[in-house]
Amino acid sequence: MDLRRHYPTYVVVVLMLVSALSYLDRQVMSILISPIQADLGFTDSQMGLIIGPAFMSLFLIAGLPMGHLADRHHRGRLLAAGIAIWSAGTVMTALVSGFWPMALSRAVVGLGEAAVVPAAYSLVADYFAPDRRARAVAWVTIGIPIGAGSALFVGGLLLKLFETPQALPVLGEVQPWSLVLITFGIAGIIVAALALTIREPARHVAAATGSGGAVPGFTAFLRREPVGVTLVLLPYILLTFMQVAMIVWVPTLLTRRQGLDPADAATLYGAMTLVIPIAATLTGGWIADRLMRRHAAGPFLLVTWLAPLFLPGVLLFALPLSLPLVVTGLTITLAVGGFCTTTVYAAVQAIVPPMFRGRILALYGLTAQLAGVGFGPLIVGLVSDYMFPDRSYLHLAIIAVIVPAWIVTVICGLLGRRHFGELRAKAEPEAA
């Protein structure tokens, strides 16, 4: 057996685990909102700040520098360092009790996770040809629902297992929600070790000049194509915003409106997250590769086709009292998110010359996470606290936040098709 031939597959598996761990440590906070509020007395707005802007503070600062490092240095080592940093932040979150210390701990998590997108997805671009890239990206992207689903499902089981405070050596008595975070933080040691085994591939640095001659610097490229880049990136950014704005509050909403306890709400939503997005992601990768070969707009078409379905899914989830309708709505939103998340990294890399992939991925990751994680949970929390102070109206806060973003997403998706094809032709003229 030629192990060298199968090595790219090994890299994809490791990157999938890295992606899963990053979303596990990020998403786990959504099932801990109620336990943390019961223990520490935080409001919805404070939890929104901890989950959102606190996480994003260092993620925002480190995003583009991480892309710069990914374009020039060993990406496996960069990933291992990032994992070590965010795992330490996860454990720190478990051990603090005040609002500001917890906010600082989540900022450390954001700092480490800023390395994932530019390093992981630019590695895929260098290990796989353009017409095989979307499927490889799909397998890496599966880590997102695996991590998010594991945070919910496994986290829910751990909450049941650690039903009462436990006495630990040195630390003393530790609350169940803290034990969940400590368990997940320790898991990072294994994944960081695996990231160190990734070999740095040869970079595809041949300039794709197109008809315009020399490729400008990255900043000059953005200045030359502001409308096209904005219309391509914005639908994905706003989809991330809508997904996170809803997903973070799903377990809490199931607890408040359906009467489920936090552990049961987490395991129900976690089971759905482990099944539906994974199926959508794998199918979306296959479709995206076919679209990349057959249409100038490539995988961007999936956004224009599927984004309109997101709001009906949210309404089915949020409005009725019937649990089957709630599950139906969640199924729709998870499927749309799975399909579109699969295509985004292949699509974003297709619109820039190869030497800019790390930076465009960092730019997308930065803006998407700023919109989603940075503002989504916080805005919902603020709307909940100040527009609908009765906590049983959380569903109205979610709908009020998502509707305007959904309208802009659909419009930009329709307008962005032509621009995607034009940008792709300039970046990869041989593939257009």
Protein backbone atom coordinates (compact mmCIF):
# COMPACT_ATOMS: atom_id res chain seq x y z
CA MET A 1 0.00 0.00 0.00
CA ASP A 2 1.31 3.44 -0.98
CA LEU A 3 0.88 5.41 2.25
CA ARG A 4 1.88 8.64 0.52
CA ARG A 5 -1.16 8.34 -1.73
CA HIS A 6 -3.48 8.15 1.30
CA TYR A 7 -1.72 10.78 3.38
CA PRO A 8 -4.04 13.63 2.26
CA THR A 9 -6.94 11.57 3.60
CA TYR A 10 -5.18 11.33 6.96
CA VAL A 11 -4.70 15.11 6.95
CA VAL A 12 -8.42 15.61 6.29
CA VAL A 13 -9.31 13.34 9.23
CA VAL A 14 -7.02 15.27 11.58
CA LEU A 15 -8.39 18.60 10.35
CA MET A 16 -11.92 17.28 10.87
CA LEU A 17 -11.02 16.52 14.51
CA VAL A 18 -9.51 20.00 14.91
CA SER A 19 -12.67 21.56 13.49
CA ALA A 20 -14.83 19.38 15.76
CA LEU A 21 -12.89 20.34 18.89
CA SER A 22 -13.06 24.04 18.08
CA TYR A 23 -16.84 23.95 17.77
CA LEU A 24 -17.20 21.66 20.78
CA ASP A 25 -15.43 24.17 23.02
CA ARG A 26 -17.38 27.02 21.43
CA GLN A 27 -20.87 25.48 21.36
CA VAL A 28 -20.81 23.90 24.82
CA MET A 29 -21.62 27.28 26.38
CA SER A 30 -25.11 27.17 24.85
CA ILE A 31 -26.14 24.24 27.07
CA LEU A 32 -24.54 25.78 30.14
CA ILE A 33 -26.50 29.06 30.04
CA SER A 34 -29.20 27.89 32.45
CA PRO A 35 -26.81 26.11 34.89
CA ILE A 36 -24.43 29.09 34.94
CA GLN A 37 -27.32 31.53 35.45
CA ALA A 38 -28.65 29.37 38.30
CA ASP A 39 -25.21 29.21 39.92
CA LEU A 40 -23.82 32.69 39.26
CA GLY A 41 -26.95 34.77 38.60
CA PHE A 42 -25.93 36.16 35.18
CA THR A 43 -28.63 37.80 33.00
CA ASP A 44 -29.37 36.89 29.34
CA SER A 45 -27.40 39.96 28.24
CA GLN A 46 -24.38 38.97 30.34
CA MET A 47 -24.44 35.46 28.91
CA GLY A 48 -24.72 36.95 25.43
CA LEU A 49 -21.66 39.10 26.14
CA ILE A 50 -19.65 36.13 27.43
CA ILE A 51 -20.56 33.89 24.51
CA GLY A 52 -20.30 36.63 21.89
CA PRO A 53 -18.16 39.79 22.21
CA ALA A 54 -15.89 38.33 24.89
CA PHE A 55 -15.04 35.38 22.63
CA MET A 56 -14.67 37.65 19.62
CA SER A 57 -12.41 40.28 21.23
CA LEU A 58 -9.11 38.42 20.69
CA PHE A 59 -10.50 36.38 17.77
CA LEU A 60 -11.00 39.71 15.99
CA ILE A 61 -7.52 40.99 16.78
CA ALA A 62 -5.78 37.72 15.88
CA GLY A 63 -7.78 36.77 12.76
CA LEU A 64 -5.82 38.45 9.96
CA PRO A 65 -2.41 37.93 11.62
CA MET A 66 -3.28 34.22 11.82
CA GLY A 67 -4.06 34.28 8.09
CA HIS A 68 -0.70 35.96 7.47
CA LEU A 69 1.05 33.23 9.51
CA ALA A 70 -0.88 30.52 7.64
CA ASP A 71 0.30 31.92 4.31
CA ARG A 72 3.97 31.83 5.38
CA HIS A 73 4.60 29.26 8.12
CA HIS A 74 4.03 25.62 9.10
CA ARG A 75 0.27 25.28 9.43
CA GLY A 76 0.23 22.07 11.49
CA ARG A 77 2.29 23.71 14.22
CA LEU A 78 0.11 26.80 14.05
CA LEU A 79 -2.98 24.64 14.60
CA ALA A 80 -1.37 22.79 17.53
CA ALA A 81 -0.52 26.10 19.22
CA GLY A 82 -4.05 27.37 18.66
CA ILE A 83 -5.58 24.21 20.16
CA ALA A 84 -3.38 24.47 23.25
CA ILE A 85 -4.42 28.09 23.78
CA TRP A 86 -8.17 27.60 23.40
CA SER A 87 -8.19 24.42 25.50
CA ALA A 88 -6.48 26.34 28.30
CA GLY A 89 -9.16 29.03 27.94
CA THR A 90 -11.90 26.40 28.22
CA VAL A 91 -10.46 25.10 31.49
CA MET A 92 -10.06 28.69 32.73
CA THR A 93 -13.77 29.28 32.04
CA ALA A 94 -14.60 26.35 34.31
CA LEU A 95 -12.57 27.66 37.23
CA VAL A 96 -13.74 31.28 37.47
CA SER A 97 -16.89 32.63 39.08
CA GLY A 98 -17.17 36.32 38.19
CA PHE A 99 -18.46 37.92 34.98
CA TRP A 100 -15.21 39.61 33.92
CA PRO A 101 -12.92 36.61 34.64
CA MET A 102 -15.27 34.40 32.63
CA ALA A 103 -15.32 36.94 29.79
CA LEU A 104 -11.49 36.98 29.77
CA SER A 105 -11.40 33.17 29.69
CA ARG A 106 -13.67 33.09 26.64
CA ALA A 107 -11.43 35.69 24.99
CA VAL A 108 -8.53 33.24 25.34
CA VAL A 109 -10.66 30.58 23.64
CA GLY A 110 -11.26 33.01 20.77
CA LEU A 111 -7.55 33.75 20.43
CA GLY A 112 -6.71 30.07 19.91
CA GLU A 113 -9.60 29.38 17.55
CA ALA A 114 -8.57 32.22 15.23
CA ALA A 115 -5.93 29.85 13.79
CA VAL A 116 -8.36 27.18 12.58
CA VAL A 117 -9.95 28.54 9.41
CA PRO A 118 -6.89 30.07 7.67
CA ALA A 119 -4.59 27.16 8.52
CA ALA A 120 -6.95 24.20 8.06
CA TYR A 121 -8.71 25.18 4.86
CA SER A 122 -5.61 26.50 3.10
CA LEU A 123 -4.01 23.09 3.83
CA VAL A 124 -6.93 21.42 2.05
CA ALA A 125 -6.44 23.75 -0.94
CA ASP A 126 -2.78 22.67 -1.23
CA TYR A 127 -3.46 18.95 -0.80
CA PHE A 128 -6.38 18.71 -3.30
CA ALA A 129 -7.07 19.87 -6.85
CA PRO A 130 -9.92 22.38 -7.38
CA ASP A 131 -12.38 19.76 -8.71
CA ARG A 132 -11.82 17.56 -5.60
CA ARG A 133 -11.52 20.35 -3.08
CA ALA A 134 -15.19 20.76 -2.12
CA ARG A 135 -15.52 17.12 -1.07
CA ALA A 136 -12.35 17.36 1.01
CA VAL A 137 -13.64 20.60 2.53
CA ALA A 138 -16.94 18.83 3.24
CA TRP A 139 -15.16 16.17 5.31
CA VAL A 140 -13.27 18.82 7.27
CA THR A 141 -16.47 20.82 7.68
CA ILE A 142 -18.24 17.76 9.10
CA GLY A 143 -16.20 18.53 12.18
CA ILE A 144 -18.46 21.54 12.78
CA PRO A 145 -21.70 19.57 13.33
CA ILE A 146 -19.75 16.78 15.03
CA GLY A 147 -18.26 19.28 17.47
CA ALA A 148 -21.48 21.26 17.94
CA GLY A 149 -23.54 18.09 18.29
CA SER A 150 -21.06 16.51 20.69
CA ALA A 151 -21.04 19.68 22.79
CA LEU A 152 -24.81 19.39 23.09
CA PHE A 153 -25.29 15.62 23.25
CA VAL A 154 -22.18 14.61 25.20
CA GLY A 155 -22.38 17.77 27.26
CA GLY A 156 -25.97 16.91 28.17
CA LEU A 157 -24.95 13.40 29.19
CA LEU A 158 -22.10 14.80 31.28
CA LEU A 159 -24.50 17.19 33.00
CA LYS A 160 -26.59 14.18 33.96
CA LEU A 161 -23.50 12.23 35.03
CA PHE A 162 -22.19 15.13 37.12
CA GLU A 163 -25.60 15.81 38.61
CA THR A 164 -24.21 17.24 41.83
CA PRO A 165 -21.01 19.18 42.65
CA GLN A 166 -17.91 17.00 42.79
CA ALA A 167 -14.84 17.31 45.01
CA LEU A 168 -11.61 17.37 42.96
CA PRO A 169 -8.01 17.34 44.22
CA VAL A 170 -6.58 20.85 44.59
CA LEU A 171 -9.71 22.46 43.06
CA GLY A 172 -12.11 21.46 45.81
CA GLU A 173 -15.86 21.39 45.10
CA VAL A 174 -16.63 21.94 41.41
CA GLN A 175 -20.06 22.52 39.88
CA PRO A 176 -21.39 20.14 37.16
CA TRP A 177 -21.13 22.81 34.44
CA SER A 178 -17.48 23.37 35.38
CA LEU A 179 -16.75 19.64 35.14
CA VAL A 180 -18.13 19.59 31.59
CA LEU A 181 -15.75 22.39 30.54
CA ILE A 182 -12.76 20.77 32.24
CA THR A 183 -13.46 17.47 30.46
CA PHE A 184 -13.64 19.15 27.07
CA GLY A 185 -10.55 21.25 27.73
CA ILE A 186 -8.43 18.19 28.57
CA ALA A 187 -9.47 16.56 25.28
CA GLY A 188 -7.52 19.27 23.46
CA ILE A 189 -4.19 17.70 24.44
CA ILE A 190 -4.83 14.70 22.18
CA VAL A 191 -5.97 16.74 19.18
CA ALA A 192 -3.03 19.17 19.51
CA ALA A 193 -0.63 16.19 19.36
CA LEU A 194 -2.32 14.96 16.17
CA ALA A 195 -2.04 18.41 14.58
CA LEU A 196 1.74 18.30 15.07
CA THR A 197 1.89 15.23 12.78
CA ILE A 198 0.63 17.20 9.75
CA ARG A 199 3.35 17.71 7.14
CA GLU A 200 3.50 21.05 5.39
CA PRO A 201 2.61 20.50 1.69
CA ALA A 202 3.99 22.34 -1.32
CA ARG A 203 2.03 25.54 -1.76
CA HIS A 204 0.22 26.26 -5.01
CA VAL A 205 1.70 29.67 -5.55
CA ALA A 206 1.61 29.99 -9.32
CA ALA A 207 0.05 33.38 -9.95
CA ALA A 208 -3.33 33.26 -11.61
CA THR A 209 -3.12 36.46 -13.56
CA GLY A 210 -6.18 36.13 -15.79
CA SER A 211 -6.60 38.79 -18.38
CA GLY A 212 -5.55 41.55 -16.06
CA GLY A 213 -1.85 40.74 -15.89
CA ALA A 214 -0.05 40.75 -12.54
CA VAL A 215 -1.91 39.96 -9.37
CA PRO A 216 -1.98 42.90 -6.94
CA GLY A 217 -1.38 42.69 -3.21
CA PHE A 218 -4.24 41.41 -1.09
CA THR A 219 -5.39 44.85 0.04
CA ALA A 220 -5.23 46.14 -3.53
CA PHE A 221 -7.25 43.13 -4.67
CA LEU A 222 -10.00 43.94 -2.15
CA ARG A 223 -10.03 47.57 -3.24
CA ARG A 224 -10.29 46.56 -6.88
CA GLU A 225 -13.20 44.13 -6.32
CA PRO A 226 -15.19 45.56 -3.38
CA VAL A 227 -18.69 44.92 -4.73
CA GLY A 228 -18.04 41.38 -5.96
CA VAL A 229 -16.22 40.25 -2.81
CA THR A 230 -18.91 41.80 -0.60
CA LEU A 231 -21.80 40.17 -2.47
CA VAL A 232 -20.11 36.77 -2.35
CA LEU A 233 -19.08 36.91 1.31
CA LEU A 234 -22.11 38.63 2.81
CA PRO A 235 -24.67 35.81 2.33
CA TYR A 236 -22.33 33.37 4.09
CA ILE A 237 -21.57 35.89 6.84
CA LEU A 238 -25.25 36.58 7.49
CA LEU A 239 -26.11 32.88 7.43
CA THR A 240 -23.52 32.40 10.16
CA PHE A 241 -25.08 35.28 12.09
CA MET A 242 -28.57 33.77 11.81
CA GLN A 243 -27.44 30.26 12.69
CA VAL A 244 -25.49 31.30 15.77
CA ALA A 245 -28.14 33.80 16.90
CA MET A 246 -30.61 30.91 16.97
CA ILE A 247 -28.44 27.89 17.81
CA VAL A 248 -26.92 29.34 20.98
CA TRP A 249 -30.39 29.87 22.45
CA VAL A 250 -32.08 26.65 21.25
CA PRO A 251 -31.45 24.61 24.44
CA THR A 252 -32.56 27.54 26.59
CA LEU A 253 -35.70 28.03 24.49
CA LEU A 254 -36.54 24.33 24.68
CA THR A 255 -36.18 24.60 28.45
CA ARG A 256 -38.37 27.70 28.78
CA ARG A 257 -41.11 26.87 26.25
CA GLN A 258 -41.17 23.07 26.12
CA GLY A 259 -40.44 22.42 29.79
CA LEU A 260 -37.38 20.23 29.13
CA ASP A 261 -34.57 20.27 31.67
CA PRO A 262 -31.22 21.58 30.35
CA ALA A 263 -29.69 18.11 29.97
CA ASP A 264 -32.66 16.71 27.99
CA ALA A 265 -32.82 19.81 25.78
CA ALA A 266 -29.10 19.45 25.08
CA THR A 267 -29.27 15.75 24.20
CA LEU A 268 -32.32 16.23 21.92
CA TYR A 269 -30.76 19.08 19.96
CA GLY A 270 -27.34 17.43 20.07
CA ALA A 271 -28.68 14.23 18.50
CA MET A 272 -30.24 16.28 15.69
CA THR A 273 -27.01 18.23 15.20
CA LEU A 274 -24.99 15.02 14.95
CA VAL A 275 -27.22 13.60 12.17
CA ILE A 276 -28.78 16.29 9.97
CA PRO A 277 -25.86 18.66 9.25
CA ILE A 278 -23.49 15.74 8.65
CA ALA A 279 -25.78 14.26 6.00
CA ALA A 280 -26.27 17.71 4.46
CA THR A 281 -22.54 18.42 4.53
CA LEU A 282 -21.55 15.21 2.74
CA THR A 283 -24.27 15.64 0.13
CA GLY A 284 -23.40 19.31 -0.26
CA GLY A 285 -19.74 18.52 -0.92
CA TRP A 286 -20.64 16.18 -3.77
CA ILE A 287 -23.07 18.72 -5.25
CA ALA A 288 -20.56 21.55 -4.85
CA ASP A 289 -17.88 19.70 -6.84
CA ARG A 290 -20.35 19.09 -9.66
CA LEU A 291 -21.44 22.73 -9.64
CA MET A 292 -17.78 23.85 -9.65
CA ARG A 293 -17.25 21.89 -12.90
CA ARG A 294 -20.52 22.78 -14.63
CA HIS A 295 -21.48 26.33 -13.65
CA ALA A 296 -19.59 29.61 -13.52
CA ALA A 297 -21.34 30.43 -10.22
CA GLY A 298 -20.20 27.06 -8.86
CA PRO A 299 -21.12 26.18 -5.27
CA PHE A 300 -22.37 29.71 -4.66
CA LEU A 301 -25.61 28.57 -6.32
CA LEU A 302 -26.47 26.51 -3.24
CA VAL A 303 -26.70 29.68 -1.16
CA THR A 304 -29.12 31.28 -3.60
CA TRP A 305 -31.25 28.12 -3.69
CA LEU A 306 -31.34 27.27 0.01
CA ALA A 307 -31.04 30.51 2.00
CA PRO A 308 -34.73 31.40 1.35
CA LEU A 309 -35.74 28.27 3.30
CA PHE A 310 -34.02 29.37 6.50
CA LEU A 311 -36.69 31.76 7.77
CA PRO A 312 -39.59 29.27 7.34
CA GLY A 313 -37.54 26.82 9.41
CA VAL A 314 -37.02 29.43 12.14
CA LEU A 315 -40.74 30.23 12.25
CA LEU A 316 -41.69 26.56 12.52
CA PHE A 317 -39.21 26.18 15.34
CA ALA A 318 -40.02 29.35 17.26
CA LEU A 319 -43.76 29.95 16.92
CA PRO A 320 -45.70 26.75 17.66
CA LEU A 321 -45.97 24.97 20.97
CA SER A 322 -45.95 21.54 19.32
CA LEU A 323 -42.65 19.70 19.80
CA PRO A 324 -42.94 17.84 16.42
CA LEU A 325 -43.20 21.20 14.62
CA VAL A 326 -40.26 22.49 16.63
CA VAL A 327 -38.21 19.49 15.49
CA THR A 328 -39.31 20.06 11.87
CA GLY A 329 -38.18 23.67 11.97
CA LEU A 330 -34.85 22.75 13.52
CA THR A 331 -34.37 20.09 10.83
CA ILE A 332 -34.81 22.68 8.07
CA THR A 333 -32.41 25.21 9.60
CA LEU A 334 -29.78 22.55 10.34
CA ALA A 335 -30.01 21.19 6.78
CA VAL A 336 -29.69 24.65 5.20
CA GLY A 337 -26.74 25.43 7.45
CA GLY A 338 -25.08 22.11 6.63
CA PHE A 339 -25.34 22.55 2.86
CA CYS A 340 -24.16 26.17 2.89
CA THR A 341 -21.34 25.65 5.39
CA THR A 342 -19.98 22.90 3.14
CA THR A 343 -19.67 25.20 0.17
CA VAL A 344 -18.40 28.37 1.77
CA TYR A 345 -14.70 27.51 2.08
CA ALA A 346 -14.41 26.11 -1.44
CA ALA A 347 -16.36 29.10 -2.79
CA VAL A 348 -14.36 31.74 -0.92
CA GLN A 349 -11.03 30.28 -2.05
CA ALA A 350 -12.22 30.12 -5.66
CA ILE A 351 -12.57 33.91 -5.98
CA VAL A 352 -8.96 34.84 -5.07
CA PRO A 353 -5.54 33.97 -6.49
CA PRO A 354 -3.86 31.03 -4.68
CA MET A 355 -1.39 33.15 -2.71
CA PHE A 356 -4.26 34.97 -0.99
CA ARG A 357 -6.21 31.93 0.23
CA GLY A 358 -5.08 32.08 3.84
CA ARG A 359 -5.93 35.76 4.08
CA ILE A 360 -9.34 35.57 2.36
CA LEU A 361 -10.23 32.64 4.63
CA ALA A 362 -9.09 34.64 7.65
CA LEU A 363 -11.10 37.64 6.46
CA TYR A 364 -14.20 35.52 5.97
CA GLY A 365 -13.70 33.68 9.25
CA LEU A 366 -13.14 36.94 11.08
CA THR A 367 -16.21 38.72 9.71
CA ALA A 368 -18.48 35.66 9.92
CA GLN A 369 -17.54 34.91 13.50
CA LEU A 370 -17.76 38.59 14.42
CA ALA A 371 -21.27 38.71 13.02
CA GLY A 372 -22.31 35.30 14.33
CA VAL A 373 -20.55 34.62 17.60
CA GLY A 374 -19.70 38.26 18.29
CA PHE A 375 -23.13 39.81 17.80
CA GLY A 376 -25.72 37.02 17.35
CA PRO A 377 -26.05 35.81 20.97
CA LEU A 378 -25.59 39.33 22.36
CA ILE A 379 -28.26 40.94 20.18
CA VAL A 380 -30.76 38.20 20.99
CA GLY A 381 -29.95 38.58 24.70
CA LEU A 382 -30.38 42.37 24.56
CA VAL A 383 -33.66 42.13 22.62
CA SER A 384 -34.84 39.51 25.09
CA ASP A 385 -33.95 41.58 28.16
CA TYR A 386 -35.12 45.01 26.95
CA MET A 387 -37.85 44.42 24.33
CA PHE A 388 -39.33 41.17 25.69
CA PRO A 389 -38.35 41.13 29.39
CA ASP A 390 -40.71 38.22 30.08
CA ARG A 391 -38.34 35.27 29.58
CA SER A 392 -41.14 33.19 28.04
CA TYR A 393 -40.94 35.52 24.98
CA LEU A 394 -37.40 34.52 24.00
CA HIS A 395 -38.77 33.09 20.72
CA LEU A 396 -39.98 36.56 19.67
CA ALA A 397 -36.53 38.01 20.30
CA ILE A 398 -34.97 35.35 18.04
CA ILE A 399 -37.46 36.05 15.22
CA ALA A 400 -37.01 39.83 15.50
CA VAL A 401 -33.24 39.47 15.12
CA ILE A 402 -33.26 36.97 12.24
CA VAL A 403 -35.85 38.47 9.85
CA PRO A 404 -33.82 41.55 8.70
CA ALA A 405 -30.65 39.48 8.23
CA TRP A 406 -32.57 36.89 6.21
CA ILE A 407 -33.92 39.53 3.80
CA VAL A 408 -30.42 40.89 3.08
CA THR A 409 -29.03 37.34 2.70
CA VAL A 410 -31.55 36.40 0.01
CA ILE A 411 -31.04 39.65 -1.94
CA CYS A 412 -27.23 39.45 -1.86
CA GLY A 413 -27.32 35.79 -2.88
CA LEU A 414 -29.29 36.60 -6.00
CA LEU A 415 -27.07 39.58 -6.89
CA GLY A 416 -23.82 37.73 -6.19
CA ARG A 417 -24.06 34.95 -8.80
CA ARG A 418 -22.59 36.96 -11.67
CA HIS A 419 -19.85 38.46 -9.52
CA PHE A 420 -18.80 35.02 -8.26
CA GLY A 421 -18.31 33.81 -11.83
CA GLU A 422 -16.31 36.90 -12.79
CA LEU A 423 -14.03 36.69 -9.76
CA ARG A 424 -13.49 32.97 -10.24
CA ALA A 425 -12.53 33.48 -13.91
CA LYS A 426 -9.84 35.97 -12.90
CA ALA A 427 -8.51 33.83 -10.03
CA GLU A 428 -8.51 30.44 -11.79
CA PRO A 429 -8.88 31.14 -15.52
CA GLU A 430 -8.10 27.53 -16.42
CA ALA A 431 -11.08 26.36 -14.33
CA ALA A 432 -13.58 28.93 -15.53
